[in-house]
Amino acid sequence: MDAQKIKERVATIESKRESLVRLLEKPDLGTLRIDVNQALEEIDDLIDEFKRTFPDSKTN
C-alpha cells in the first residue's frame, strides 16, 4: 500500500469520527457506550500515529 492510499484511508476514518461522537450523545446507548468510547480512543491513536509518521500530511 502506498503512502497516498494510507493518507486517503486515514482521512476517511477521521471524517467518520464525528459520527461516533454524536452517538455518544444519545442517552439510551447503554453498554454500547463502552464500545463507542473504545473505538474513539483507537481512532485517535491511529490519527496520532499517522501524524507522527507523516508529519507534513493533513488528513482534512
N, C-alpha and C. Protein backbone atom coordinates (compact mmCIF):
# COMPACT_ATOMS: atom_id res chain seq x y z
N MET A 1 0.85 -1.17 0.00
CA MET A 1 0.00 0.00 0.00
C MET A 1 0.90 1.23 0.00
N ASP A 2 0.60 2.17 -0.86
CA ASP A 2 1.44 3.36 -0.93
C ASP A 2 0.95 4.44 0.05
N ALA A 3 1.81 5.43 0.26
CA ALA A 3 1.53 6.47 1.25
C ALA A 3 0.25 7.23 0.94
N GLN A 4 -0.02 7.48 -0.33
CA GLN A 4 -1.22 8.24 -0.70
C GLN A 4 -2.49 7.49 -0.32
N LYS A 5 -2.50 6.19 -0.54
CA LYS A 5 -3.67 5.38 -0.19
C LYS A 5 -3.87 5.37 1.32
N ILE A 6 -2.79 5.30 2.07
CA ILE A 6 -2.89 5.34 3.54
C ILE A 6 -3.47 6.68 3.97
N LYS A 7 -2.99 7.76 3.39
CA LYS A 7 -3.49 9.10 3.71
C LYS A 7 -4.99 9.20 3.43
N GLU A 8 -5.42 8.65 2.30
CA GLU A 8 -6.84 8.70 1.95
C GLU A 8 -7.68 7.91 2.95
N ARG A 9 -7.20 6.76 3.33
CA ARG A 9 -7.96 5.92 4.27
C ARG A 9 -8.04 6.56 5.66
N VAL A 10 -6.94 7.14 6.11
CA VAL A 10 -6.96 7.80 7.41
C VAL A 10 -7.90 9.01 7.36
N ALA A 11 -7.90 9.74 6.26
CA ALA A 11 -8.82 10.88 6.12
C ALA A 11 -10.27 10.42 6.19
N THR A 12 -10.56 9.28 5.57
CA THR A 12 -11.92 8.73 5.62
C THR A 12 -12.31 8.37 7.04
N ILE A 13 -11.41 7.71 7.74
CA ILE A 13 -11.67 7.33 9.13
C ILE A 13 -11.88 8.57 9.99
N GLU A 14 -11.02 9.56 9.81
CA GLU A 14 -11.12 10.78 10.60
C GLU A 14 -12.44 11.51 10.33
N SER A 15 -12.89 11.49 9.09
CA SER A 15 -14.14 12.17 8.76
C SER A 15 -15.36 11.48 9.39
N LYS A 16 -15.24 10.20 9.65
CA LYS A 16 -16.37 9.45 10.24
C LYS A 16 -16.33 9.44 11.76
N ARG A 17 -15.26 9.97 12.35
CA ARG A 17 -15.12 10.01 13.79
C ARG A 17 -16.27 10.78 14.44
N GLU A 18 -16.68 11.85 13.80
CA GLU A 18 -17.76 12.69 14.35
C GLU A 18 -19.06 11.90 14.55
N SER A 19 -19.28 10.90 13.72
CA SER A 19 -20.48 10.06 13.88
C SER A 19 -20.46 9.34 15.22
N LEU A 20 -19.30 8.87 15.63
CA LEU A 20 -19.20 8.21 16.93
C LEU A 20 -19.39 9.19 18.07
N VAL A 21 -18.87 10.40 17.90
CA VAL A 21 -19.05 11.42 18.93
C VAL A 21 -20.55 11.73 19.09
N ARG A 22 -21.26 11.86 17.99
CA ARG A 22 -22.71 12.11 18.06
C ARG A 22 -23.44 10.94 18.70
N LEU A 23 -22.98 9.74 18.42
CA LEU A 23 -23.60 8.56 19.01
C LEU A 23 -23.48 8.57 20.53
N LEU A 24 -22.36 9.06 21.04
CA LEU A 24 -22.16 9.13 22.50
C LEU A 24 -23.16 10.07 23.16
N GLU A 25 -23.70 11.01 22.41
CA GLU A 25 -24.65 11.97 22.98
C GLU A 25 -26.02 11.37 23.22
N LYS A 26 -26.27 10.19 22.68
CA LYS A 26 -27.57 9.55 22.85
C LYS A 26 -27.68 8.95 24.24
N PRO A 27 -28.74 9.29 24.97
CA PRO A 27 -28.87 8.83 26.36
C PRO A 27 -29.20 7.34 26.49
N ASP A 28 -29.72 6.72 25.45
CA ASP A 28 -30.16 5.32 25.55
C ASP A 28 -29.13 4.35 24.98
N LEU A 29 -27.87 4.73 24.98
CA LEU A 29 -26.81 3.92 24.38
C LEU A 29 -26.49 2.67 25.21
N GLY A 30 -26.67 2.75 26.50
CA GLY A 30 -26.43 1.60 27.37
C GLY A 30 -24.98 1.16 27.38
N THR A 31 -24.79 -0.16 27.39
CA THR A 31 -23.43 -0.70 27.47
C THR A 31 -22.64 -0.53 26.16
N LEU A 32 -23.33 -0.18 25.09
CA LEU A 32 -22.65 0.08 23.82
C LEU A 32 -21.73 1.29 23.94
N ARG A 33 -21.99 2.14 24.93
CA ARG A 33 -21.18 3.33 25.17
C ARG A 33 -19.70 2.94 25.36
N ILE A 34 -19.45 1.82 26.02
CA ILE A 34 -18.08 1.35 26.25
C ILE A 34 -17.39 1.08 24.92
N ASP A 35 -18.08 0.41 24.01
CA ASP A 35 -17.51 0.09 22.70
C ASP A 35 -17.27 1.34 21.87
N VAL A 36 -18.19 2.29 21.94
CA VAL A 36 -18.04 3.53 21.19
C VAL A 36 -16.84 4.32 21.72
N ASN A 37 -16.71 4.39 23.04
CA ASN A 37 -15.55 5.07 23.64
C ASN A 37 -14.24 4.40 23.20
N GLN A 38 -14.22 3.07 23.20
CA GLN A 38 -13.03 2.34 22.79
C GLN A 38 -12.70 2.63 21.32
N ALA A 39 -13.71 2.67 20.48
CA ALA A 39 -13.50 2.96 19.06
C ALA A 39 -12.92 4.37 18.88
N LEU A 40 -13.44 5.32 19.63
CA LEU A 40 -12.91 6.69 19.55
C LEU A 40 -11.45 6.75 20.00
N GLU A 41 -11.12 6.05 21.06
CA GLU A 41 -9.74 6.03 21.53
C GLU A 41 -8.82 5.44 20.47
N GLU A 42 -9.26 4.36 19.84
CA GLU A 42 -8.43 3.72 18.83
C GLU A 42 -8.28 4.60 17.58
N ILE A 43 -9.35 5.28 17.20
CA ILE A 43 -9.26 6.21 16.07
C ILE A 43 -8.29 7.33 16.40
N ASP A 44 -8.39 7.88 17.60
CA ASP A 44 -7.49 8.96 18.00
C ASP A 44 -6.04 8.49 18.00
N ASP A 45 -5.81 7.27 18.48
CA ASP A 45 -4.45 6.71 18.47
C ASP A 45 -3.95 6.54 17.04
N LEU A 46 -4.81 6.05 16.17
CA LEU A 46 -4.44 5.88 14.76
C LEU A 46 -4.07 7.21 14.12
N ILE A 47 -4.88 8.22 14.36
CA ILE A 47 -4.63 9.54 13.79
C ILE A 47 -3.33 10.13 14.33
N ASP A 48 -3.10 9.97 15.64
CA ASP A 48 -1.85 10.46 16.23
C ASP A 48 -0.64 9.76 15.63
N GLU A 49 -0.73 8.46 15.49
CA GLU A 49 0.38 7.70 14.91
C GLU A 49 0.60 8.11 13.45
N PHE A 50 -0.48 8.32 12.72
CA PHE A 50 -0.37 8.76 11.34
C PHE A 50 0.36 10.10 11.26
N LYS A 51 -0.01 11.02 12.13
CA LYS A 51 0.61 12.35 12.12
C LYS A 51 2.08 12.29 12.50
N ARG A 52 2.45 11.34 13.36
CA ARG A 52 3.87 11.18 13.68
C ARG A 52 4.63 10.57 12.51
N THR A 53 3.97 9.67 11.79
CA THR A 53 4.62 9.01 10.66
C THR A 53 4.72 9.92 9.45
N PHE A 54 3.67 10.69 9.22
CA PHE A 54 3.61 11.62 8.08
C PHE A 54 3.38 13.04 8.62
N PRO A 55 4.38 13.63 9.25
CA PRO A 55 4.18 14.92 9.93
C PRO A 55 3.77 16.07 9.01
N ASP A 56 4.07 15.98 7.74
CA ASP A 56 3.73 17.06 6.82
C ASP A 56 2.38 16.86 6.15
N SER A 57 1.66 15.81 6.53
CA SER A 57 0.38 15.50 5.90
C SER A 57 -0.78 16.08 6.67
N LYS A 58 -1.80 16.42 5.94
CA LYS A 58 -3.07 16.85 6.52
C LYS A 58 -4.11 15.84 6.08
N THR A 59 -4.94 15.38 7.04
CA THR A 59 -5.97 14.39 6.69
C THR A 59 -7.28 15.06 6.35
N ASN A 60 -7.47 16.31 6.76
CA ASN A 60 -8.72 17.02 6.43
C ASN A 60 -8.41 18.22 5.61
